[in-house]
């Protein structure tokens, strides 16, 4: 199903008491964030929104639900293969976004022959768009260490321009974002692969839980962030309005963003990230020193070396 979308403001007001933002990342004015430059155009980042600790996240009892919004943040950056620098000139890029739903949360990832645009086992397509406009996050000015964090929000609609309702019996939503190509090459992306027109943003305080954030690397396939040694969760969020059935006597959800403690034991040696960003004023972040190491792609070893031709 190719669906329509309705653009809304970057952070819109709550429409109803039952509506809530589900965020597996901790990106905010009070937490660090990172720009990850170890990607090429057409590669994919995504998040599986599911139950967290029995009480948080997206719960089976939340279904049926209305998918009232999706939020995505990407950054303008450049890389020379060893360093990653946020760029002050950003602009807007068109990004492909898909939302899938299923009844059994994924554990074993599909093979590399399953690509973007294809379901993981047991999933059904909820929403797809080939051109979601995303304004890139940038530094506040040339030479500044302040970084503007820009979440872009849109409201998915179906082919009849009606709100999208995900049926009872599903237990999770999987949002996948394919990075747009820029038409340019760089040392990270050996020809014919191109550098992306926008780079992923993530938090830098550990992953909220295993088997939540994931990526797709060309020639390798799907990887959980923990397998790729990515020390955080992608800047992708959903806003939902649970629609409990009549027999459900449970209490209404009070709303608010879901969060959790980061995985303190997880390590990310990737300097294919633009240095760790610590909080600045307002919605910005302050750019700091990059981590030492060879980037999360390098940590995958020979498999990625073969896939990249590096």
Protein backbone atom coordinates (compact mmCIF):
# COMPACT_ATOMS: atom_id res chain seq x y z
CA UNK A 1 0.00 0.00 0.00
CA UNK A 2 1.46 3.33 -1.06
CA UNK A 3 -0.05 5.89 1.26
CA UNK A 4 -0.36 9.64 1.42
CA UNK A 5 1.16 11.76 4.14
CA UNK A 6 0.18 15.04 5.73
CA UNK A 7 3.00 17.28 6.92
CA UNK A 8 2.71 18.88 10.32
CA UNK A 9 4.97 21.00 12.49
CA UNK A 10 8.27 19.56 13.69
CA UNK A 11 6.95 19.05 17.22
CA UNK A 12 3.17 19.17 17.22
CA UNK A 13 0.72 19.49 20.11
CA UNK A 14 -0.98 16.47 21.61
CA UNK A 15 -4.32 15.89 19.89
CA UNK A 16 -5.94 13.82 22.60
CA UNK A 17 -5.23 12.65 26.11
CA UNK A 18 -4.64 9.07 24.92
CA UNK A 19 -2.10 10.07 22.29
CA UNK A 20 1.52 9.61 23.25
CA UNK A 21 4.99 9.83 21.83
CA UNK A 22 6.97 6.58 21.78
CA UNK A 23 10.71 7.26 21.67
CA UNK A 24 13.35 4.56 22.10
CA UNK A 25 16.08 7.21 21.85
CA UNK A 26 16.98 9.74 24.55
CA UNK A 27 17.82 12.68 22.30
CA UNK A 28 17.00 15.95 24.05
CA UNK A 29 18.62 19.12 25.35
CA UNK A 30 19.91 17.12 28.32
CA UNK A 31 21.49 14.13 26.57
CA UNK A 32 24.39 13.66 24.12
CA UNK A 33 23.86 12.91 20.44
CA UNK A 34 26.08 11.79 17.57
CA UNK A 35 26.11 12.13 13.77
CA UNK A 36 27.07 8.75 12.25
CA UNK A 37 29.00 9.09 8.98
CA UNK A 38 29.69 5.39 8.34
CA UNK A 39 26.80 5.09 5.88
CA UNK A 40 26.19 5.24 2.14
CA UNK A 41 23.17 6.33 0.16
CA UNK A 42 20.34 3.76 -0.06
CA UNK A 43 21.39 2.14 3.21
CA UNK A 44 18.79 1.95 5.94
CA UNK A 45 18.32 2.81 9.60
CA UNK A 46 15.27 1.91 11.64
CA UNK A 47 13.65 1.16 14.98
CA UNK A 48 11.37 -1.63 16.20
CA UNK A 49 8.84 -0.06 18.57
CA UNK A 50 7.71 -2.73 21.00
CA UNK A 51 7.19 -3.36 24.68
CA UNK A 52 9.91 -2.25 27.11
CA UNK A 53 10.13 -3.85 30.52
CA UNK A 54 6.48 -4.87 30.56
CA UNK A 55 5.18 -1.34 31.13
CA UNK A 56 6.92 0.97 28.65
CA UNK A 57 7.31 1.25 24.92
CA UNK A 58 4.56 0.05 22.62
CA UNK A 59 2.48 -2.62 24.35
CA UNK A 60 0.26 -5.32 22.79
CA UNK A 61 -2.67 -3.82 24.73
CA UNK A 62 -2.17 -0.54 22.81
CA UNK A 63 -3.54 -2.20 19.67
CA UNK A 64 -5.65 -1.35 17.78
CA UNK A 65 -4.08 2.07 17.51
CA UNK A 66 -4.03 5.09 15.25
CA UNK A 67 -0.61 5.95 13.85
CA UNK A 68 -0.86 9.70 14.27
CA UNK A 69 2.72 10.67 13.56
CA UNK A 70 6.29 9.70 12.67
CA UNK A 71 9.36 11.80 13.51
CA UNK A 72 12.76 11.56 11.81
CA UNK A 73 15.99 13.52 12.34
CA UNK A 74 19.00 13.46 9.98
CA UNK A 75 22.09 15.66 9.88
CA UNK A 76 24.11 17.52 7.27
CA UNK A 77 27.71 16.31 7.51
CA UNK A 78 30.81 15.44 5.54
CA UNK A 79 33.52 12.82 6.01
CA UNK A 80 36.98 12.12 4.65
CA UNK A 81 36.88 8.50 5.77
CA UNK A 82 38.50 9.11 9.17
CA UNK A 83 36.61 12.10 10.56
CA UNK A 84 33.02 13.32 10.45
CA UNK A 85 32.04 16.99 10.57
CA UNK A 86 28.59 18.51 10.76
CA UNK A 87 27.95 21.07 7.99
CA UNK A 88 26.35 24.48 8.47
CA UNK A 89 24.56 24.32 5.11
CA UNK A 90 21.77 21.79 5.38
CA UNK A 91 18.63 22.10 3.32
CA UNK A 92 15.84 19.60 2.86
CA UNK A 93 16.09 16.10 1.43
CA UNK A 94 13.42 13.63 0.30
CA UNK A 95 13.57 10.43 2.34
CA UNK A 96 11.87 7.07 1.85
CA UNK A 97 10.00 5.89 4.95
CA UNK A 98 8.13 2.65 5.59
CA UNK A 99 6.14 1.44 8.59
CA UNK A 100 5.47 -2.27 9.12
CA UNK A 101 3.47 -4.10 11.78
CA UNK A 102 3.56 -7.66 13.10
CA UNK A 103 2.36 -9.89 15.91
CA UNK A 104 5.67 -11.49 16.97
CA UNK A 105 8.56 -9.05 17.55
CA UNK A 106 11.56 -9.93 15.34
CA UNK A 107 14.57 -11.62 16.87
CA UNK A 108 16.46 -13.40 14.10
CA UNK A 109 17.00 -10.88 11.31
CA UNK A 110 16.12 -11.71 7.70
CA UNK A 111 18.83 -12.51 5.17
CA UNK A 112 20.53 -9.96 2.93
CA UNK A 113 18.16 -10.90 0.08
CA UNK A 114 15.36 -9.18 2.02
CA UNK A 115 15.89 -5.49 1.33
CA UNK A 116 14.14 -2.19 1.99
CA UNK A 117 10.61 -2.38 0.62
CA UNK A 118 10.21 -6.02 1.64
CA UNK A 119 8.57 -7.33 4.83
CA UNK A 120 10.38 -9.16 7.56
CA UNK A 121 8.71 -12.53 8.34
CA UNK A 122 5.10 -12.12 9.47
CA UNK A 123 4.85 -8.38 8.79
CA UNK A 124 2.26 -6.32 6.93
CA UNK A 125 2.88 -2.90 5.39
CA UNK A 126 1.18 -0.07 7.26
CA UNK A 127 2.54 2.99 5.42
CA UNK A 128 5.07 3.83 2.73
CA UNK A 129 6.22 7.06 1.12
CA UNK A 130 9.04 7.68 -1.33
CA UNK A 131 9.33 11.40 -0.60
CA UNK A 132 9.07 12.50 3.02
CA UNK A 133 10.76 15.94 3.24
CA UNK A 134 13.34 16.09 6.02
CA UNK A 135 15.07 19.32 7.00
CA UNK A 136 18.63 18.45 7.96
CA UNK A 137 19.99 19.32 11.39
CA UNK A 138 23.01 21.66 11.20
CA UNK A 139 25.35 23.71 13.41
CA UNK A 140 23.89 27.07 14.37
CA UNK A 141 26.57 28.94 12.38
CA UNK A 142 29.91 28.41 10.66
CA UNK A 143 32.58 27.53 13.19
CA UNK A 144 30.06 27.12 15.99
CA UNK A 145 30.00 24.07 18.20
CA UNK A 146 26.24 24.40 18.74
CA UNK A 147 24.18 21.87 16.83
CA UNK A 148 20.49 22.30 16.04
CA UNK A 149 18.52 19.09 16.58
CA UNK A 150 15.62 19.11 14.12
CA UNK A 151 12.98 16.40 14.36
CA UNK A 152 10.76 16.39 11.27
CA UNK A 153 7.22 15.18 11.93
CA UNK A 154 4.54 14.04 9.52
CA UNK A 155 1.15 12.39 9.81
CA UNK A 156 0.75 9.22 7.70
CA UNK A 157 -2.54 8.83 5.82
CA UNK A 158 -3.93 6.00 3.71
CA UNK A 159 -4.86 6.12 0.01
CA UNK A 160 -8.23 7.68 0.91
CA UNK A 161 -6.49 10.37 3.01
CA UNK A 162 -7.83 8.80 6.18
CA UNK A 163 -5.87 8.23 9.41
CA UNK A 164 -4.05 4.90 9.55
CA UNK A 165 -5.33 2.38 12.10
CA UNK A 166 -3.19 -0.66 12.95
CA UNK A 167 -5.35 -3.65 13.87
CA UNK A 168 -5.61 -5.54 17.13
CA UNK A 169 -3.35 -8.60 17.27
CA UNK A 170 -0.24 -6.69 16.26
CA UNK A 171 2.33 -6.09 18.99
CA UNK A 172 4.96 -3.83 17.37
CA UNK A 173 5.68 -1.27 14.68
CA UNK A 174 8.90 -1.25 12.65
CA UNK A 175 9.91 2.05 11.04
CA UNK A 176 12.60 1.95 8.33
CA UNK A 177 14.23 5.02 6.77
CA UNK A 178 16.31 4.72 3.59
CA UNK A 179 19.07 7.32 3.36
CA UNK A 180 18.87 9.41 0.17
CA UNK A 181 21.76 9.47 -2.30
CA UNK A 182 23.66 12.71 -2.88
CA UNK A 183 25.16 11.97 -6.29
CA UNK A 184 28.65 12.25 -4.79
CA UNK A 185 31.24 9.76 -3.67
CA UNK A 186 33.52 9.73 -0.64
CA UNK A 187 36.17 7.41 0.86
CA UNK A 188 33.59 5.55 2.96
CA UNK A 189 31.41 4.70 -0.04
CA UNK A 190 33.42 3.06 -2.80
CA UNK A 191 31.90 3.38 -6.29
CA UNK A 192 29.20 2.82 -7.30
CA UNK A 193 27.95 3.58 -3.78
CA UNK A 194 27.35 7.26 -3.00
CA UNK A 195 27.57 9.34 0.12
CA UNK A 196 24.09 9.98 1.58
CA UNK A 197 22.44 13.38 1.31
CA UNK A 198 21.68 13.18 5.03
CA UNK A 199 23.43 11.26 7.82
CA UNK A 200 21.80 9.44 10.75
CA UNK A 201 21.55 11.01 14.20
CA UNK A 202 21.52 8.91 17.35
CA UNK A 203 21.88 9.22 21.09
CA UNK A 204 25.19 8.31 22.70
CA UNK A 205 24.23 6.86 26.07
CA UNK A 206 23.81 3.21 25.16
CA UNK A 207 21.00 1.30 23.51
CA UNK A 208 17.66 1.35 25.31
CA UNK A 209 17.32 -2.45 24.87
CA UNK A 210 18.54 -5.19 22.52
CA UNK A 211 16.76 -5.78 19.21
CA UNK A 212 15.33 -2.29 18.89
CA UNK A 213 17.47 -0.11 16.58
CA UNK A 214 18.83 -1.66 13.40
CA UNK A 215 20.55 -0.86 10.11
CA UNK A 216 20.94 -2.29 6.62
CA UNK A 217 24.44 -2.24 5.09
CA UNK A 218 24.71 -2.98 1.39
CA UNK A 219 26.33 -6.36 0.72
CA UNK A 220 25.99 -7.39 4.38
CA UNK A 221 22.28 -7.08 5.17
CA UNK A 222 20.40 -6.34 8.35
CA UNK A 223 22.19 -5.81 11.66
CA UNK A 224 20.98 -4.89 15.11
CA UNK A 225 22.83 -1.85 16.45
CA UNK A 226 24.38 -3.99 19.17
CA UNK A 227 25.87 -6.33 16.54
CA UNK A 228 27.28 -3.36 14.62
CA UNK A 229 28.68 -1.88 17.89
CA UNK A 230 26.55 1.24 17.50
CA UNK A 231 26.27 2.71 20.98
CA UNK A 232 22.80 4.22 20.80
CA UNK A 233 19.39 4.43 19.14
CA UNK A 234 18.41 6.27 15.96
CA UNK A 235 16.46 9.53 15.95
CA UNK A 236 13.17 7.99 14.84
CA UNK A 237 9.94 8.22 16.86
CA UNK A 238 6.25 7.43 16.49
CA UNK A 239 3.17 9.06 17.94
CA UNK A 240 0.23 6.75 18.52
CA UNK A 241 -3.30 6.95 19.87
CA UNK A 242 -4.30 3.56 21.37
CA UNK A 243 -7.90 2.57 20.63
CA UNK A 244 -8.80 -0.02 23.29
CA UNK A 245 -11.60 -2.39 22.39
CA UNK A 246 -14.76 -2.38 24.49
CA UNK A 247 -13.77 -5.43 26.54
CA UNK A 248 -10.52 -3.74 27.62
CA UNK A 249 -11.12 -2.26 31.07
CA UNK A 250 -7.52 -1.11 31.46
CA UNK A 251 -6.71 2.42 32.55
CA UNK A 252 -5.98 5.10 29.99
CA UNK A 253 -2.37 5.91 29.21
CA UNK A 254 -1.19 9.14 30.75
CA UNK A 255 0.98 9.87 27.73
CA UNK A 256 4.52 11.16 27.44
CA UNK A 257 7.71 9.96 25.85
CA UNK A 258 8.88 6.49 26.73
CA UNK A 259 12.47 6.16 27.89
CA UNK A 260 14.81 3.82 29.65
CA UNK A 261 18.29 3.46 30.97
CA UNK A 262 21.01 3.12 28.38
CA UNK A 263 23.14 -0.01 28.19
CA UNK A 264 26.15 1.05 30.24
CA UNK A 265 28.14 -1.98 29.13
CA UNK A 266 27.85 -1.38 25.39
CA UNK A 267 30.88 -0.01 23.57
CA UNK A 268 31.13 2.01 20.37
CA UNK A 269 34.62 2.61 19.00
CA UNK A 270 33.30 4.42 15.94
CA UNK A 271 35.02 7.60 14.87
CA UNK A 272 32.93 7.37 11.74
CA UNK A 273 30.74 9.45 14.04
CA UNK A 274 30.93 13.22 14.23
CA UNK A 275 32.12 13.74 17.73
CA UNK A 276 30.00 13.26 20.77
CA UNK A 277 27.60 16.17 21.09
CA UNK A 278 26.91 17.45 24.57
CA UNK A 279 23.97 19.69 25.42
CA UNK A 280 23.88 23.30 24.35
CA UNK A 281 21.19 25.94 24.75
CA UNK A 282 17.59 25.43 23.66
CA UNK A 283 17.17 22.45 21.35
CA UNK A 284 20.83 22.46 20.30
CA UNK A 285 23.76 20.27 21.25
CA UNK A 286 27.39 21.22 21.71
CA UNK A 287 29.89 19.38 19.53
CA UNK A 288 32.74 17.77 21.39
CA UNK A 289 35.70 15.54 20.68
CA UNK A 290 35.21 12.47 18.50
CA UNK A 291 35.84 9.01 19.85
CA UNK A 292 39.00 7.15 18.93
CA UNK A 293 38.79 4.17 16.63
CA UNK A 294 37.97 3.20 13.09
CA UNK A 295 34.20 3.59 12.87
CA UNK A 296 31.39 1.12 13.37
CA UNK A 297 31.76 -0.15 9.80
CA UNK A 298 35.40 -1.02 10.47
CA UNK A 299 34.34 -3.05 13.49
CA UNK A 300 32.47 -5.43 11.23
CA UNK A 301 35.81 -6.56 9.83
CA UNK A 302 36.35 -8.53 6.68
CA UNK A 303 32.67 -8.82 5.76
CA UNK A 304 32.28 -5.08 5.44
CA UNK A 305 35.67 -4.72 3.78
CA UNK A 306 34.55 -7.12 1.07
CA UNK A 307 31.18 -5.42 0.75
CA UNK A 308 32.67 -1.97 0.38
CA UNK A 309 35.60 -2.97 -1.79
CA UNK A 310 37.89 -1.37 0.83
